[in-house]
Structures are given as C-alpha cells and as structure tokens.
Amino acid sequence: MKLAGEATTIGLTWLLWLSIVSAAPASEDSEALLVNYESVQMREMYRFMYETDDGQYREEVGMLVNVGTPDEELMTMGRYGYTSKDGTEVMVMYTSGKNGYRARTVSSRSSSWDSGAKKKALLSLLMG
C-alpha cells in the first residue's frame, strides 16, 4: 500500500506542476508577428531576411567562394536586431569564413539611428 500512496503523491505533484506551467503567461516575444520575409536560394549563394511587428529583424547572405578548389568555403555575413525594454536599439553584425566567426554589437538609445548609420556599422565590421 505504501507504493500506491507514493504513486498517487507523485501523480498529483506532476499534475500540479503541469497546471502551473500551463497557466504561466507567454513571454512578450511569443506575441510578435512576422511582417516581412524574403528568401532567395541559388546554386552558390543564399539570402534571407525577416522582420517582426515589434521591430526584431535578421538579414543574412551566404555564398560559396573559391568554388571547385580545395579552398572552397561558405562565407556568410548578416545582422540581427531588436529594441530592448529600455528603448535601446541593439544590432549585432556578424561575418564568418576562413578567419572564423566575428560579431560586433552596436546599440543606440537615439530614435534617430538611421539606416545610414547601420550600413556604416556593417561596413566597418566587414572591413575589419
């Protein structure tokens, strides 16, 4: 009889835990809706991007370089970003290739951080 009581206790504990987890509010991120998506795939390159209604985004381009040689490799570059709860716009730019993975984070509290500034930041990452 002791085993049946333990099994009942374990079962009730499991049900209680499950009901608590099920009732937990969803995070704010789960409410974001996709507002823009593009994807292009070709033989030696790809490009994709998406943007959500809460300002999250990601863009990436990948291409094969030195195709058909022993040095053939996939090189990628891209960026992703979001606005934090305190209003800071955060952008992470990255590249990968024969020299490994490099990322740089840029943030700004100014709402005037335009796409020109973002492009300059991306170019600075690509140029080293």
C-alpha atoms as a PDB file:
ATOM      1  CA  MET A   1       0.000   0.000   0.000  1.00  0.00           C
ATOM      2  CA  LYS A   2       2.914   2.319   0.586  1.00  0.00           C
ATOM      3  CA  LEU A   3       3.823   2.181  -3.142  1.00  0.00           C
ATOM      4  CA  ALA A   4       0.294   3.108  -4.193  1.00  0.00           C
ATOM      5  CA  GLY A   5       0.364   6.148  -1.900  1.00  0.00           C
ATOM      6  CA  GLU A   6       3.738   7.250  -3.281  1.00  0.00           C
ATOM      7  CA  ALA A   7       2.499   6.827  -6.843  1.00  0.00           C
ATOM      8  CA  THR A   8      -0.560   8.936  -6.065  1.00  0.00           C
ATOM      9  CA  THR A   9       1.612  11.642  -4.492  1.00  0.00           C
ATOM     10  CA  ILE A  10       3.955  11.652  -7.483  1.00  0.00           C
ATOM     11  CA  GLY A  11       0.989  11.773  -9.873  1.00  0.00           C
ATOM     12  CA  LEU A  12      -0.629  14.672  -8.007  1.00  0.00           C
ATOM     13  CA  THR A  13       2.683  16.536  -7.844  1.00  0.00           C
ATOM     14  CA  TRP A  14       3.123  16.048 -11.590  1.00  0.00           C
ATOM     15  CA  LEU A  15      -0.414  17.315 -12.307  1.00  0.00           C
ATOM     16  CA  LEU A  16       0.107  20.334 -10.046  1.00  0.00           C
ATOM     17  CA  TRP A  17       3.386  21.175 -11.783  1.00  0.00           C
ATOM     18  CA  LEU A  18       1.788  20.741 -15.202  1.00  0.00           C
ATOM     19  CA  SER A  19      -1.118  23.036 -14.318  1.00  0.00           C
ATOM     20  CA  ILE A  20       1.272  25.722 -13.031  1.00  0.00           C
ATOM     21  CA  VAL A  21       3.412  25.569 -16.167  1.00  0.00           C
ATOM     22  CA  SER A  22       0.345  25.628 -18.419  1.00  0.00           C
ATOM     23  CA  ALA A  23      -1.024  28.693 -16.649  1.00  0.00           C
ATOM     24  CA  ALA A  24       2.242  30.663 -16.921  1.00  0.00           C
ATOM     25  CA  PRO A  25       1.878  33.751 -19.113  1.00  0.00           C
ATOM     26  CA  ALA A  26       3.517  33.639 -22.517  1.00  0.00           C
ATOM     27  CA  SER A  27       6.567  35.815 -22.985  1.00  0.00           C
ATOM     28  CA  GLU A  28       6.184  39.035 -24.943  1.00  0.00           C
ATOM     29  CA  ASP A  29       8.368  37.601 -27.724  1.00  0.00           C
ATOM     30  CA  SER A  30       5.816  34.914 -28.477  1.00  0.00           C
ATOM     31  CA  GLU A  31       3.335  37.615 -29.472  1.00  0.00           C
ATOM     32  CA  ALA A  32       5.476  39.065 -32.284  1.00  0.00           C
ATOM     33  CA  LEU A  33       4.014  38.667 -35.754  1.00  0.00           C
ATOM     34  CA  LEU A  34       6.033  38.215 -38.920  1.00  0.00           C
ATOM     35  CA  VAL A  35       5.526  41.273 -41.145  1.00  0.00           C
ATOM     36  CA  ASN A  36       8.184  40.727 -43.801  1.00  0.00           C
ATOM     37  CA  TYR A  37      10.058  37.654 -45.032  1.00  0.00           C
ATOM     38  CA  GLU A  38      12.229  37.066 -48.082  1.00  0.00           C
ATOM     39  CA  SER A  39      14.331  34.084 -49.070  1.00  0.00           C
ATOM     40  CA  VAL A  40      16.443  33.576 -52.185  1.00  0.00           C
ATOM     41  CA  GLN A  41      18.369  30.364 -52.750  1.00  0.00           C
ATOM     42  CA  MET A  42      20.637  29.862 -55.705  1.00  0.00           C
ATOM     43  CA  ARG A  43      23.282  27.317 -56.555  1.00  0.00           C
ATOM     44  CA  GLU A  44      26.214  29.075 -54.872  1.00  0.00           C
ATOM     45  CA  MET A  45      24.513  31.634 -52.634  1.00  0.00           C
ATOM     46  CA  TYR A  46      21.514  32.325 -50.441  1.00  0.00           C
ATOM     47  CA  ARG A  47      19.919  35.348 -48.854  1.00  0.00           C
ATOM     48  CA  PHE A  48      17.130  35.675 -46.355  1.00  0.00           C
ATOM     49  CA  MET A  49      15.605  38.293 -44.133  1.00  0.00           C
ATOM     50  CA  TYR A  50      12.678  38.663 -41.811  1.00  0.00           C
ATOM     51  CA  GLU A  51      11.134  41.386 -39.708  1.00  0.00           C
ATOM     52  CA  THR A  52       8.514  41.204 -36.964  1.00  0.00           C
ATOM     53  CA  ASP A  53       5.943  43.765 -35.922  1.00  0.00           C
ATOM     54  CA  ASP A  54       7.832  44.505 -32.695  1.00  0.00           C
ATOM     55  CA  GLY A  55      10.987  45.550 -34.564  1.00  0.00           C
ATOM     56  CA  GLN A  56      13.042  42.352 -34.406  1.00  0.00           C
ATOM     57  CA  TYR A  57      14.859  41.560 -37.630  1.00  0.00           C
ATOM     58  CA  ARG A  58      17.536  39.381 -39.192  1.00  0.00           C
ATOM     59  CA  GLU A  59      19.282  39.503 -42.555  1.00  0.00           C
ATOM     60  CA  GLU A  60      21.899  37.061 -43.833  1.00  0.00           C
ATOM     61  CA  VAL A  61      23.767  36.395 -47.065  1.00  0.00           C
ATOM     62  CA  GLY A  62      25.873  33.310 -47.660  1.00  0.00           C
ATOM     63  CA  MET A  63      27.984  32.443 -50.657  1.00  0.00           C
ATOM     64  CA  LEU A  64      30.421  29.794 -51.734  1.00  0.00           C
ATOM     65  CA  VAL A  65      33.835  31.205 -52.574  1.00  0.00           C
ATOM     66  CA  ASN A  66      36.694  29.510 -54.414  1.00  0.00           C
ATOM     67  CA  VAL A  67      34.188  27.064 -55.882  1.00  0.00           C
ATOM     68  CA  GLY A  68      35.700  23.862 -57.220  1.00  0.00           C
ATOM     69  CA  THR A  69      39.050  24.355 -55.498  1.00  0.00           C
ATOM     70  CA  PRO A  70      40.478  22.843 -52.310  1.00  0.00           C
ATOM     71  CA  ASP A  71      39.902  26.259 -50.694  1.00  0.00           C
ATOM     72  CA  GLU A  72      36.134  26.211 -51.317  1.00  0.00           C
ATOM     73  CA  GLU A  73      34.232  27.561 -48.325  1.00  0.00           C
ATOM     74  CA  LEU A  74      30.958  29.121 -47.294  1.00  0.00           C
ATOM     75  CA  MET A  75      31.249  32.767 -46.316  1.00  0.00           C
ATOM     76  CA  THR A  76      28.363  34.449 -44.504  1.00  0.00           C
ATOM     77  CA  MET A  77      27.562  37.920 -43.276  1.00  0.00           C
ATOM     78  CA  GLY A  78      24.496  39.337 -41.680  1.00  0.00           C
ATOM     79  CA  ARG A  79      22.883  41.202 -38.872  1.00  0.00           C
ATOM     80  CA  TYR A  80      20.027  40.901 -36.441  1.00  0.00           C
ATOM     81  CA  GLY A  81      18.498  43.352 -34.052  1.00  0.00           C
ATOM     82  CA  TYR A  82      15.784  44.301 -31.631  1.00  0.00           C
ATOM     83  CA  THR A  83      14.719  47.101 -29.303  1.00  0.00           C
ATOM     84  CA  SER A  84      15.250  46.355 -25.624  1.00  0.00           C
ATOM     85  CA  LYS A  85      12.685  47.135 -22.929  1.00  0.00           C
ATOM     86  CA  ASP A  86      14.531  50.347 -22.011  1.00  0.00           C
ATOM     87  CA  GLY A  87      14.297  51.605 -25.611  1.00  0.00           C
ATOM     88  CA  THR A  88      17.857  50.798 -26.650  1.00  0.00           C
ATOM     89  CA  GLU A  89      18.118  49.614 -30.236  1.00  0.00           C
ATOM     90  CA  VAL A  90      20.563  46.709 -30.396  1.00  0.00           C
ATOM     91  CA  MET A  91      22.118  45.412 -33.606  1.00  0.00           C
ATOM     92  CA  VAL A  92      24.549  42.502 -33.876  1.00  0.00           C
ATOM     93  CA  MET A  93      26.505  42.250 -37.122  1.00  0.00           C
ATOM     94  CA  TYR A  94      28.462  39.116 -37.960  1.00  0.00           C
ATOM     95  CA  THR A  95      30.659  37.505 -40.577  1.00  0.00           C
ATOM     96  CA  SER A  96      32.093  34.030 -40.890  1.00  0.00           C
ATOM     97  CA  GLY A  97      34.567  32.453 -43.229  1.00  0.00           C
ATOM     98  CA  LYS A  98      38.115  31.146 -43.303  1.00  0.00           C
ATOM     99  CA  ASN A  99      39.089  33.500 -40.459  1.00  0.00           C
ATOM    100  CA  GLY A 100      36.310  32.215 -38.205  1.00  0.00           C
ATOM    101  CA  TYR A 101      33.244  33.920 -36.790  1.00  0.00           C
ATOM    102  CA  ARG A 102      33.285  37.614 -35.878  1.00  0.00           C
ATOM    103  CA  ALA A 103      30.445  39.569 -34.329  1.00  0.00           C
ATOM    104  CA  ARG A 104      30.068  43.153 -33.254  1.00  0.00           C
ATOM    105  CA  THR A 105      27.235  44.602 -31.186  1.00  0.00           C
ATOM    106  CA  VAL A 106      26.157  48.184 -31.737  1.00  0.00           C
ATOM    107  CA  SER A 107      23.479  49.879 -29.665  1.00  0.00           C
ATOM    108  CA  SER A 108      21.869  53.281 -29.547  1.00  0.00           C
ATOM    109  CA  ARG A 109      19.259  54.917 -27.367  1.00  0.00           C
ATOM    110  CA  SER A 110      18.579  57.535 -30.030  1.00  0.00           C
ATOM    111  CA  SER A 111      15.487  57.093 -32.143  1.00  0.00           C
ATOM    112  CA  SER A 112      17.345  58.858 -34.967  1.00  0.00           C
ATOM    113  CA  TRP A 113      19.703  55.940 -35.533  1.00  0.00           C
ATOM    114  CA  ASP A 114      19.019  55.730 -39.253  1.00  0.00           C
ATOM    115  CA  SER A 115      19.763  53.042 -41.803  1.00  0.00           C
ATOM    116  CA  GLY A 116      22.815  55.014 -42.996  1.00  0.00           C
ATOM    117  CA  ALA A 117      24.413  54.638 -39.573  1.00  0.00           C
ATOM    118  CA  LYS A 118      23.537  50.930 -39.602  1.00  0.00           C
ATOM    119  CA  LYS A 119      25.157  50.486 -43.023  1.00  0.00           C
ATOM    120  CA  LYS A 120      28.324  52.277 -41.868  1.00  0.00           C
ATOM    121  CA  ALA A 121      28.495  49.993 -38.836  1.00  0.00           C
ATOM    122  CA  LEU A 122      28.083  46.905 -41.037  1.00  0.00           C
ATOM    123  CA  LEU A 123      30.796  48.103 -43.426  1.00  0.00           C
ATOM    124  CA  SER A 124      33.169  48.709 -40.506  1.00  0.00           C
ATOM    125  CA  LEU A 125      32.693  45.088 -39.443  1.00  0.00           C
ATOM    126  CA  LEU A 126      33.332  43.790 -42.948  1.00  0.00           C
ATOM    127  CA  MET A 127      36.431  45.919 -43.435  1.00  0.00           C
ATOM    128  CA  GLY A 128      37.934  44.880 -40.106  1.00  0.00           C
END
